[in-house]
Amino acid sequence: MSQEIITKAQERMNNSLDNLQRELGSIRAGRANASLLDRIQVEYYGAMTPLNQLASITIPEARVLQVTPFDKTVLPEIESSINASDLGINPANDGNVIRLVIPMLTEERRKELVKEMGKVIESAKVAVRNIRRDAIDEVKKLEKSKEITEDERKDLENQVQKATDDAVKEADNKAAEKEKELMDV
């Protein structure tokens, strides 16, 4: 029972880190990255469908994303969905494919993105700390109901803390990586 708490907490922390990785991937860094389009939904036969299920997304050049729909009739809907998104990139439609040219970032914009990234990182760390709190609460309940001893509680709390420290360190590493990517000209 007590090991389940640790395992569950670690799984939840890993999920938070995976979510952080997706969030960071969607922050534009001045170079083409297919994950920029992950959040784009397109209306396809009356249902909102993720863009990556309707088209192949390739990177023919360092700063160009190319969207090739599997069904050419959905091209106008893809184009309007990209225009309506918060990407801030105008799609070029040639009738067969859509090209998105990623503009170079100004120094000011890079700094804004680093600041925005800081908020994303901090919210991931808060999520990890909330998971730690929940796990420690469960451990304390086990001790209170006499299922574990005080020494076992302290040991479990240390294990939860170590998992938390590892997750926070991993988040900081991801942040440093993304910041380096953003600040590279």
Protein backbone atom coordinates (compact mmCIF):
# COMPACT_ATOMS: atom_id res chain seq x y z
CA MET A 1 0.00 0.00 0.00
CA SER A 2 2.70 2.47 0.99
CA GLN A 3 4.81 1.81 -2.15
CA GLU A 4 1.69 2.39 -4.26
CA ILE A 5 1.54 5.97 -2.96
CA ILE A 6 5.13 6.61 -4.11
CA THR A 7 4.53 4.97 -7.50
CA LYS A 8 1.31 6.91 -8.05
CA ALA A 9 2.99 10.19 -7.09
CA GLN A 10 5.89 9.52 -9.45
CA GLU A 11 3.49 8.70 -12.31
CA ARG A 12 1.56 11.91 -11.71
CA MET A 13 4.81 13.91 -11.59
CA ASN A 14 5.95 12.31 -14.86
CA ASN A 15 2.61 13.24 -16.42
CA SER A 16 3.15 16.83 -15.29
CA LEU A 17 6.61 16.81 -16.87
CA ASP A 18 5.21 15.37 -20.12
CA ASN A 19 2.61 18.12 -20.14
CA LEU A 20 5.39 20.67 -19.54
CA GLN A 21 7.32 19.26 -22.50
CA ARG A 22 4.25 19.70 -24.74
CA GLU A 23 3.73 23.26 -23.49
CA LEU A 24 7.36 24.16 -24.11
CA GLY A 25 7.21 22.58 -27.56
CA SER A 26 4.35 24.87 -28.50
CA ILE A 27 6.39 28.00 -27.69
CA ARG A 28 7.78 29.31 -30.95
CA ALA A 29 11.58 29.57 -31.02
CA GLY A 30 12.17 31.05 -34.47
CA ARG A 31 12.67 27.68 -36.12
CA ALA A 32 10.22 25.18 -37.52
CA ASN A 33 8.86 22.64 -35.07
CA ALA A 34 5.89 20.41 -35.92
CA SER A 35 4.63 20.56 -32.32
CA LEU A 36 3.69 24.22 -32.93
CA LEU A 37 0.60 22.88 -34.68
CA ASP A 38 -0.36 20.29 -32.01
CA ARG A 39 -3.11 22.45 -30.51
CA ILE A 40 -4.73 23.35 -33.86
CA GLN A 41 -8.19 21.83 -34.31
CA VAL A 42 -9.90 21.80 -37.72
CA GLU A 43 -13.61 21.32 -38.38
CA TYR A 44 -13.81 18.20 -40.52
CA TYR A 45 -17.24 16.83 -41.43
CA GLY A 46 -18.81 18.58 -38.46
CA ALA A 47 -16.30 17.38 -35.85
CA MET A 48 -13.30 19.22 -34.42
CA THR A 49 -10.26 17.13 -35.38
CA PRO A 50 -6.57 17.67 -34.52
CA LEU A 51 -4.62 18.97 -37.54
CA ASN A 52 -2.02 16.20 -37.26
CA GLN A 53 -4.79 13.63 -37.94
CA LEU A 54 -5.83 15.39 -41.17
CA ALA A 55 -2.44 16.17 -42.69
CA SER A 56 1.22 15.30 -42.67
CA ILE A 57 3.42 18.03 -41.24
CA THR A 58 6.96 18.22 -42.60
CA ILE A 59 9.88 20.61 -42.22
CA PRO A 60 11.44 21.11 -45.69
CA GLU A 61 13.66 23.98 -44.45
CA ALA A 62 14.85 25.20 -41.05
CA ARG A 63 12.16 27.88 -40.79
CA VAL A 64 9.35 26.38 -42.89
CA LEU A 65 6.53 24.04 -41.87
CA GLN A 66 4.67 22.32 -44.69
CA VAL A 67 1.17 20.96 -44.10
CA THR A 68 0.01 18.43 -46.70
CA PRO A 69 -3.61 17.35 -46.15
CA PHE A 70 -4.58 13.75 -46.81
CA ASP A 71 -7.84 15.09 -48.30
CA LYS A 72 -7.34 18.22 -50.46
CA THR A 73 -10.94 19.40 -49.89
CA VAL A 74 -10.11 20.25 -46.27
CA LEU A 75 -7.35 22.73 -47.27
CA PRO A 76 -9.47 25.90 -46.78
CA GLU A 77 -10.60 24.74 -43.32
CA ILE A 78 -7.00 24.01 -42.31
CA GLU A 79 -5.94 27.44 -43.53
CA SER A 80 -8.72 29.22 -41.62
CA SER A 81 -7.98 27.22 -38.44
CA ILE A 82 -4.31 28.23 -38.60
CA ASN A 83 -5.33 31.87 -39.18
CA ALA A 84 -7.73 31.73 -36.20
CA SER A 85 -5.07 30.25 -33.89
CA ASP A 86 -2.70 32.19 -31.65
CA LEU A 87 0.35 31.27 -33.76
CA GLY A 88 0.60 34.65 -35.46
CA ILE A 89 1.87 33.10 -38.71
CA ASN A 90 0.09 33.64 -42.02
CA PRO A 91 -0.29 30.41 -44.00
CA ALA A 92 0.58 30.36 -47.72
CA ASN A 93 -1.83 28.07 -49.60
CA ASP A 94 -0.82 26.96 -53.12
CA GLY A 95 -3.83 24.67 -53.66
CA ASN A 96 -1.97 21.48 -52.65
CA VAL A 97 -0.07 22.31 -49.48
CA ILE A 98 0.09 25.05 -46.87
CA ARG A 99 3.47 26.54 -46.02
CA LEU A 100 4.13 28.38 -42.79
CA VAL A 101 7.28 30.49 -42.76
CA ILE A 102 8.43 31.00 -39.17
CA PRO A 103 9.71 34.57 -38.81
CA MET A 104 12.97 35.32 -37.02
CA LEU A 105 12.42 36.49 -33.47
CA THR A 106 13.52 39.93 -32.30
CA GLU A 107 15.58 40.20 -29.13
CA GLU A 108 12.58 41.75 -27.35
CA ARG A 109 10.28 38.92 -28.44
CA ARG A 110 12.83 36.33 -27.31
CA LYS A 111 12.88 37.88 -23.84
CA GLU A 112 9.05 37.91 -23.74
CA LEU A 113 9.01 34.22 -24.67
CA VAL A 114 11.55 33.41 -21.93
CA LYS A 115 9.31 35.24 -19.44
CA GLU A 116 6.24 33.34 -20.72
CA MET A 117 8.21 30.10 -20.47
CA GLY A 118 9.06 30.95 -16.85
CA LYS A 119 5.34 31.05 -16.03
CA VAL A 120 4.81 27.65 -17.68
CA ILE A 121 7.74 26.17 -15.74
CA GLU A 122 6.50 27.63 -12.45
CA SER A 123 3.00 26.20 -12.95
CA ALA A 124 4.54 22.77 -13.63
CA LYS A 125 6.57 23.03 -10.41
CA VAL A 126 3.42 24.01 -8.49
CA ALA A 127 1.66 20.95 -9.91
CA VAL A 128 4.55 18.74 -8.78
CA ARG A 129 4.49 20.27 -5.29
CA ASN A 130 0.71 19.70 -5.08
CA ILE A 131 1.27 16.05 -5.96
CA ARG A 132 3.90 15.87 -3.17
CA ARG A 133 1.42 17.37 -0.69
CA ASP A 134 -1.26 14.85 -1.67
CA ALA A 135 1.15 11.92 -1.34
CA ILE A 136 2.39 13.07 2.08
CA ASP A 137 -1.22 13.50 3.23
CA GLU A 138 -1.93 9.90 2.21
CA VAL A 139 1.16 8.71 4.09
CA LYS A 140 0.06 10.57 7.23
CA LYS A 141 -3.40 8.97 6.98
CA LEU A 142 -1.76 5.54 6.89
CA GLU A 143 0.20 6.36 10.04
CA LYS A 144 -2.89 7.74 11.75
CA SER A 145 -4.84 4.56 11.00
CA LYS A 146 -1.89 2.56 12.43
CA GLU A 147 -1.14 0.83 9.09
CA ILE A 148 2.47 2.09 9.21
CA THR A 149 4.88 3.18 11.94
CA GLU A 150 6.34 6.64 12.45
CA ASP A 151 9.69 5.49 11.03
CA GLU A 152 7.97 4.12 7.91
CA ARG A 153 6.10 7.42 7.53
CA LYS A 154 9.36 9.39 7.68
CA ASP A 155 10.96 7.03 5.16
CA LEU A 156 8.00 7.38 2.77
CA GLU A 157 8.00 11.17 3.15
CA ASN A 158 11.71 11.17 2.25
CA GLN A 159 10.98 9.06 -0.85
CA VAL A 160 8.19 11.45 -1.88
CA GLN A 161 10.51 14.41 -1.34
CA LYS A 162 13.24 12.78 -3.44
CA ALA A 163 10.76 12.15 -6.28
CA THR A 164 9.67 15.79 -6.00
CA ASP A 165 13.25 17.06 -6.09
CA ASP A 166 13.98 14.90 -9.15
CA ALA A 167 10.87 16.20 -10.96
CA VAL A 168 11.68 19.85 -10.16
CA LYS A 169 15.27 19.33 -11.32
CA GLU A 170 13.98 17.79 -14.57
CA ALA A 171 11.65 20.79 -15.08
CA ASP A 172 14.60 23.15 -14.55
CA ASN A 173 16.66 21.19 -17.08
CA LYS A 174 13.87 21.42 -19.66
CA ALA A 175 13.60 25.17 -18.95
CA ALA A 176 17.34 25.71 -19.42
CA GLU A 177 17.24 23.75 -22.69
CA LYS A 178 14.31 25.77 -24.04
CA GLU A 179 15.80 29.08 -22.90
CA LYS A 180 19.03 28.25 -24.75
CA GLU A 181 16.97 27.41 -27.85
CA LEU A 182 15.03 30.69 -27.56
CA MET A 183 18.09 32.85 -27.06
CA ASP A 184 20.07 31.27 -29.95
CA VAL A 185 20.08 33.63 -32.90
